[in-house]
């Protein structure tokens, strides 16, 4: 689903951005796409789950010299 959203977003941003730039100018076009990107970032930040499991126990220190001997 994320790849689909990225693909559709890439296509729609050119289409919508082109219309905005044509009628309002480059400043408004870039500003509007920046606002949409910021909203998308906040959406993903809030609703996408973290995939890495939290570290619950501390890891023992790595002793590479000792590991090479065995």
C-alpha atoms as a PDB file:
ATOM      1  CA  UNK A   1       0.000   0.000   0.000  1.00  0.00           C
ATOM      2  CA  UNK A   2       2.834   2.387   0.758  1.00  0.00           C
ATOM      3  CA  UNK A   3       4.377   1.814  -2.671  1.00  0.00           C
ATOM      4  CA  UNK A   4       0.991   2.430  -4.281  1.00  0.00           C
ATOM      5  CA  UNK A   5       0.591   5.686  -2.355  1.00  0.00           C
ATOM      6  CA  UNK A   6       4.083   6.812  -3.369  1.00  0.00           C
ATOM      7  CA  UNK A   7       3.420   6.019  -7.024  1.00  0.00           C
ATOM      8  CA  UNK A   8       0.054   7.749  -7.122  1.00  0.00           C
ATOM      9  CA  UNK A   9       1.429  10.703  -5.161  1.00  0.00           C
ATOM     10  CA  UNK A  10       4.281  11.143  -7.613  1.00  0.00           C
ATOM     11  CA  UNK A  11       1.887  11.269 -10.525  1.00  0.00           C
ATOM     12  CA  UNK A  12      -0.694  13.481  -8.877  1.00  0.00           C
ATOM     13  CA  UNK A  13       1.883  15.950  -7.581  1.00  0.00           C
ATOM     14  CA  UNK A  14       2.995  16.710 -11.148  1.00  0.00           C
ATOM     15  CA  UNK A  15      -0.556  17.052 -12.375  1.00  0.00           C
ATOM     16  CA  UNK A  16      -1.844  19.208  -9.534  1.00  0.00           C
ATOM     17  CA  UNK A  17       1.393  21.166  -9.244  1.00  0.00           C
ATOM     18  CA  UNK A  18       1.268  21.932 -12.970  1.00  0.00           C
ATOM     19  CA  UNK A  19      -2.219  23.381 -12.718  1.00  0.00           C
ATOM     20  CA  UNK A  20      -1.309  25.448  -9.661  1.00  0.00           C
ATOM     21  CA  UNK A  21       1.841  26.802 -11.323  1.00  0.00           C
ATOM     22  CA  UNK A  22      -0.076  27.613 -14.512  1.00  0.00           C
ATOM     23  CA  UNK A  23      -2.749  29.630 -12.719  1.00  0.00           C
ATOM     24  CA  UNK A  24      -0.980  30.937  -9.603  1.00  0.00           C
ATOM     25  CA  UNK A  25       2.775  30.877 -10.265  1.00  0.00           C
ATOM     26  CA  UNK A  26       5.794  28.971  -9.058  1.00  0.00           C
ATOM     27  CA  UNK A  27       5.788  30.256  -5.493  1.00  0.00           C
ATOM     28  CA  UNK A  28       2.266  29.047  -4.790  1.00  0.00           C
ATOM     29  CA  UNK A  29       2.974  25.768  -6.581  1.00  0.00           C
ATOM     30  CA  UNK A  30       6.043  24.962  -4.503  1.00  0.00           C
ATOM     31  CA  UNK A  31       4.378  26.163  -1.314  1.00  0.00           C
ATOM     32  CA  UNK A  32       1.317  23.972  -1.894  1.00  0.00           C
ATOM     33  CA  UNK A  33       3.421  20.888  -2.647  1.00  0.00           C
ATOM     34  CA  UNK A  34       5.498  21.605   0.472  1.00  0.00           C
ATOM     35  CA  UNK A  35       2.351  21.740   2.594  1.00  0.00           C
ATOM     36  CA  UNK A  36       1.106  18.453   1.124  1.00  0.00           C
ATOM     37  CA  UNK A  37       4.489  16.811   1.760  1.00  0.00           C
ATOM     38  CA  UNK A  38       4.527  18.054   5.367  1.00  0.00           C
ATOM     39  CA  UNK A  39       1.029  16.693   5.941  1.00  0.00           C
ATOM     40  CA  UNK A  40       2.021  13.344   4.432  1.00  0.00           C
ATOM     41  CA  UNK A  41       5.087  13.236   6.693  1.00  0.00           C
ATOM     42  CA  UNK A  42       2.944  13.870   9.779  1.00  0.00           C
ATOM     43  CA  UNK A  43       0.489  11.212   8.640  1.00  0.00           C
ATOM     44  CA  UNK A  44       3.224   8.598   8.220  1.00  0.00           C
ATOM     45  CA  UNK A  45       4.850   9.640  11.478  1.00  0.00           C
ATOM     46  CA  UNK A  46       1.607   9.116  13.368  1.00  0.00           C
ATOM     47  CA  UNK A  47       0.093   6.087  11.675  1.00  0.00           C
ATOM     48  CA  UNK A  48       2.929   3.920  10.344  1.00  0.00           C
ATOM     49  CA  UNK A  49       4.055   1.336  12.898  1.00  0.00           C
ATOM     50  CA  UNK A  50       7.698   0.958  13.880  1.00  0.00           C
ATOM     51  CA  UNK A  51       9.015  -2.285  12.413  1.00  0.00           C
ATOM     52  CA  UNK A  52      12.099  -2.667  14.605  1.00  0.00           C
ATOM     53  CA  UNK A  53      11.528  -4.495  17.868  1.00  0.00           C
ATOM     54  CA  UNK A  54      12.682  -2.545  20.916  1.00  0.00           C
ATOM     55  CA  UNK A  55      15.815  -3.747  22.682  1.00  0.00           C
ATOM     56  CA  UNK A  56      14.694  -4.920  26.113  1.00  0.00           C
ATOM     57  CA  UNK A  57      17.948  -6.318  27.497  1.00  0.00           C
ATOM     58  CA  UNK A  58      21.360  -4.700  27.203  1.00  0.00           C
ATOM     59  CA  UNK A  59      23.753  -6.439  24.850  1.00  0.00           C
ATOM     60  CA  UNK A  60      27.025  -7.778  26.246  1.00  0.00           C
ATOM     61  CA  UNK A  61      30.098  -5.845  25.153  1.00  0.00           C
ATOM     62  CA  UNK A  62      31.788  -7.167  22.054  1.00  0.00           C
ATOM     63  CA  UNK A  63      35.327  -8.429  22.549  1.00  0.00           C
ATOM     64  CA  UNK A  64      36.624  -9.094  19.054  1.00  0.00           C
ATOM     65  CA  UNK A  65      40.031 -10.367  20.187  1.00  0.00           C
ATOM     66  CA  UNK A  66      38.370 -13.028  22.334  1.00  0.00           C
ATOM     67  CA  UNK A  67      35.940 -13.947  19.559  1.00  0.00           C
ATOM     68  CA  UNK A  68      38.780 -14.543  17.098  1.00  0.00           C
ATOM     69  CA  UNK A  69      40.494 -17.028  19.442  1.00  0.00           C
ATOM     70  CA  UNK A  70      37.547 -19.420  19.563  1.00  0.00           C
END
